[in-house]
N, C-alpha and C. Protein backbone atom coordinates (compact mmCIF):
# COMPACT_ATOMS: atom_id res chain seq x y z
N UNK A 1 35.33 118.15 -105.46
CA UNK A 1 34.36 118.48 -104.43
C UNK A 1 33.49 119.62 -104.93
N UNK A 2 32.19 119.50 -104.74
CA UNK A 2 31.25 120.54 -105.13
C UNK A 2 30.78 121.25 -103.86
N UNK A 3 30.56 122.56 -103.96
CA UNK A 3 30.30 123.38 -102.79
C UNK A 3 29.26 124.44 -103.14
N UNK A 4 28.39 124.77 -102.17
CA UNK A 4 27.43 125.85 -102.33
C UNK A 4 27.14 126.45 -100.96
N UNK A 5 26.82 127.72 -100.94
CA UNK A 5 26.43 128.38 -99.69
C UNK A 5 25.31 129.37 -99.97
N UNK A 6 24.59 129.73 -98.93
CA UNK A 6 23.54 130.73 -99.09
C UNK A 6 24.15 132.09 -99.45
N UNK A 7 25.35 132.34 -98.98
CA UNK A 7 26.02 133.60 -99.34
C UNK A 7 26.19 133.72 -100.85
N UNK A 8 26.39 132.58 -101.53
CA UNK A 8 26.51 132.60 -103.00
C UNK A 8 25.24 133.12 -103.66
N UNK A 9 24.10 132.91 -102.99
CA UNK A 9 22.81 133.37 -103.51
C UNK A 9 22.43 134.72 -102.90
N UNK A 10 23.40 135.36 -102.26
CA UNK A 10 23.21 136.67 -101.65
C UNK A 10 22.14 136.66 -100.56
N UNK A 11 22.08 135.55 -99.82
CA UNK A 11 21.18 135.43 -98.68
C UNK A 11 21.95 135.73 -97.40
N UNK A 12 21.27 136.29 -96.43
CA UNK A 12 21.87 136.57 -95.13
C UNK A 12 21.76 135.31 -94.27
N UNK A 13 22.55 134.32 -94.63
CA UNK A 13 22.48 133.00 -94.00
C UNK A 13 23.87 132.39 -94.08
N UNK A 14 24.29 131.73 -93.04
CA UNK A 14 25.65 131.18 -93.00
C UNK A 14 25.73 129.71 -93.44
N UNK A 15 24.61 129.13 -93.87
CA UNK A 15 24.58 127.73 -94.26
C UNK A 15 25.45 127.47 -95.48
N UNK A 16 26.10 126.32 -95.48
CA UNK A 16 26.85 125.88 -96.65
C UNK A 16 26.90 124.35 -96.64
N UNK A 17 27.19 123.77 -97.79
CA UNK A 17 27.29 122.32 -97.90
C UNK A 17 28.27 121.96 -99.00
N UNK A 18 28.82 120.77 -98.89
CA UNK A 18 29.71 120.28 -99.93
C UNK A 18 29.50 118.78 -100.08
N UNK A 19 29.78 118.30 -101.28
CA UNK A 19 29.63 116.88 -101.58
C UNK A 19 30.40 116.56 -102.85
N UNK A 20 30.78 115.32 -102.99
CA UNK A 20 31.39 114.87 -104.23
C UNK A 20 30.33 114.69 -105.32
N UNK A 21 29.08 114.53 -104.90
CA UNK A 21 27.98 114.20 -105.80
C UNK A 21 27.03 115.38 -105.90
N UNK A 22 26.79 115.89 -107.12
CA UNK A 22 25.93 117.06 -107.30
C UNK A 22 24.48 116.78 -106.90
N UNK A 23 23.97 115.60 -107.18
CA UNK A 23 22.59 115.28 -106.82
C UNK A 23 22.42 115.26 -105.29
N UNK A 24 23.41 114.73 -104.59
CA UNK A 24 23.37 114.74 -103.12
C UNK A 24 23.40 116.18 -102.61
N UNK A 25 24.21 117.01 -103.23
CA UNK A 25 24.31 118.42 -102.84
C UNK A 25 22.97 119.12 -103.07
N UNK A 26 22.34 118.89 -104.21
CA UNK A 26 21.03 119.50 -104.50
C UNK A 26 20.00 119.03 -103.49
N UNK A 27 20.06 117.77 -103.09
CA UNK A 27 19.15 117.25 -102.08
C UNK A 27 19.34 118.00 -100.75
N UNK A 28 20.59 118.26 -100.37
CA UNK A 28 20.87 119.02 -99.15
C UNK A 28 20.33 120.45 -99.26
N UNK A 29 20.50 121.05 -100.43
CA UNK A 29 19.99 122.40 -100.67
C UNK A 29 18.48 122.43 -100.52
N UNK A 30 17.80 121.46 -101.13
CA UNK A 30 16.34 121.41 -101.05
C UNK A 30 15.87 121.30 -99.60
N UNK A 31 16.51 120.44 -98.82
CA UNK A 31 16.15 120.30 -97.40
C UNK A 31 16.32 121.62 -96.67
N UNK A 32 17.43 122.30 -96.93
CA UNK A 32 17.70 123.57 -96.27
C UNK A 32 16.68 124.64 -96.68
N UNK A 33 16.39 124.72 -97.96
CA UNK A 33 15.42 125.71 -98.44
C UNK A 33 14.05 125.47 -97.81
N UNK A 34 13.61 124.23 -97.77
CA UNK A 34 12.30 123.92 -97.18
C UNK A 34 12.25 124.24 -95.69
N UNK A 35 13.37 124.10 -95.00
CA UNK A 35 13.41 124.35 -93.56
C UNK A 35 13.61 125.83 -93.21
N UNK A 36 14.45 126.51 -93.99
CA UNK A 36 14.88 127.86 -93.59
C UNK A 36 14.47 128.99 -94.53
N UNK A 37 14.15 128.68 -95.77
CA UNK A 37 13.84 129.72 -96.76
C UNK A 37 12.52 129.39 -97.46
N UNK A 38 11.47 129.29 -96.67
CA UNK A 38 10.16 128.87 -97.20
C UNK A 38 9.62 129.81 -98.27
N UNK A 39 10.17 131.02 -98.34
CA UNK A 39 9.71 131.98 -99.35
C UNK A 39 10.22 131.62 -100.76
N UNK A 40 11.18 130.71 -100.85
CA UNK A 40 11.74 130.31 -102.14
C UNK A 40 11.00 129.09 -102.66
N UNK A 41 10.46 129.22 -103.85
CA UNK A 41 9.78 128.10 -104.50
C UNK A 41 10.83 127.22 -105.19
N UNK A 42 10.73 125.94 -104.99
CA UNK A 42 11.68 125.01 -105.61
C UNK A 42 11.18 124.59 -107.00
N UNK A 43 11.00 125.56 -107.85
CA UNK A 43 10.57 125.31 -109.23
C UNK A 43 11.77 124.83 -110.06
N UNK A 44 11.52 124.22 -111.20
CA UNK A 44 12.63 123.80 -112.07
C UNK A 44 13.57 124.97 -112.41
N UNK A 45 12.99 126.15 -112.63
CA UNK A 45 13.82 127.32 -112.94
C UNK A 45 14.71 127.70 -111.76
N UNK A 46 14.16 127.68 -110.54
CA UNK A 46 14.97 128.00 -109.37
C UNK A 46 16.03 126.94 -109.10
N UNK A 47 15.69 125.67 -109.33
CA UNK A 47 16.68 124.60 -109.17
C UNK A 47 17.83 124.82 -110.16
N UNK A 48 17.51 125.19 -111.38
CA UNK A 48 18.55 125.47 -112.38
C UNK A 48 19.42 126.64 -111.93
N UNK A 49 18.81 127.68 -111.36
CA UNK A 49 19.58 128.81 -110.84
C UNK A 49 20.48 128.38 -109.69
N UNK A 50 19.96 127.53 -108.81
CA UNK A 50 20.76 127.03 -107.69
C UNK A 50 21.95 126.23 -108.23
N UNK A 51 21.69 125.36 -109.20
CA UNK A 51 22.78 124.56 -109.78
C UNK A 51 23.87 125.44 -110.39
N UNK A 52 23.49 126.59 -110.93
CA UNK A 52 24.48 127.49 -111.53
C UNK A 52 25.40 128.11 -110.47
N UNK A 53 24.99 128.06 -109.20
CA UNK A 53 25.80 128.62 -108.11
C UNK A 53 26.79 127.62 -107.53
N UNK A 54 26.68 126.36 -107.91
CA UNK A 54 27.57 125.33 -107.37
C UNK A 54 28.98 125.56 -107.88
N UNK A 55 29.92 125.51 -106.95
CA UNK A 55 31.34 125.68 -107.29
C UNK A 55 32.04 124.34 -107.15
N UNK A 56 33.02 124.12 -107.98
CA UNK A 56 33.84 122.92 -107.89
C UNK A 56 35.20 123.33 -107.37
N UNK A 57 35.63 122.65 -106.32
CA UNK A 57 36.93 122.99 -105.72
C UNK A 57 37.83 121.76 -105.72
N UNK A 58 39.10 122.00 -105.49
CA UNK A 58 40.04 120.90 -105.33
C UNK A 58 39.73 120.16 -104.04
N UNK A 59 40.33 119.03 -103.85
CA UNK A 59 40.06 118.22 -102.68
C UNK A 59 40.48 118.93 -101.39
N UNK A 60 41.57 119.63 -101.43
CA UNK A 60 42.05 120.37 -100.27
C UNK A 60 42.18 121.82 -100.64
N UNK A 61 41.88 122.71 -99.72
CA UNK A 61 41.88 124.14 -100.01
C UNK A 61 43.22 124.62 -100.53
N UNK A 62 44.31 124.04 -100.08
CA UNK A 62 45.61 124.53 -100.51
C UNK A 62 45.98 124.00 -101.91
N UNK A 63 45.18 123.09 -102.47
CA UNK A 63 45.43 122.61 -103.83
C UNK A 63 44.64 123.38 -104.85
N UNK A 64 43.65 124.20 -104.39
CA UNK A 64 42.82 125.04 -105.25
C UNK A 64 42.13 124.27 -106.30
């Protein structure tokens, strides 16, 4: 499972998302940025920075 949150980017926002598919997760991030963080440009460099914040977790929290 892949996971990202605005807190990971040091934003004062409680949004988070998770997906098995990284491209689907990036799509969710883009939608959120366009709706809530209009000051952020979705340039290739910023997308690469966002991708670097994605965490991979076990399927269940207790499996780590």
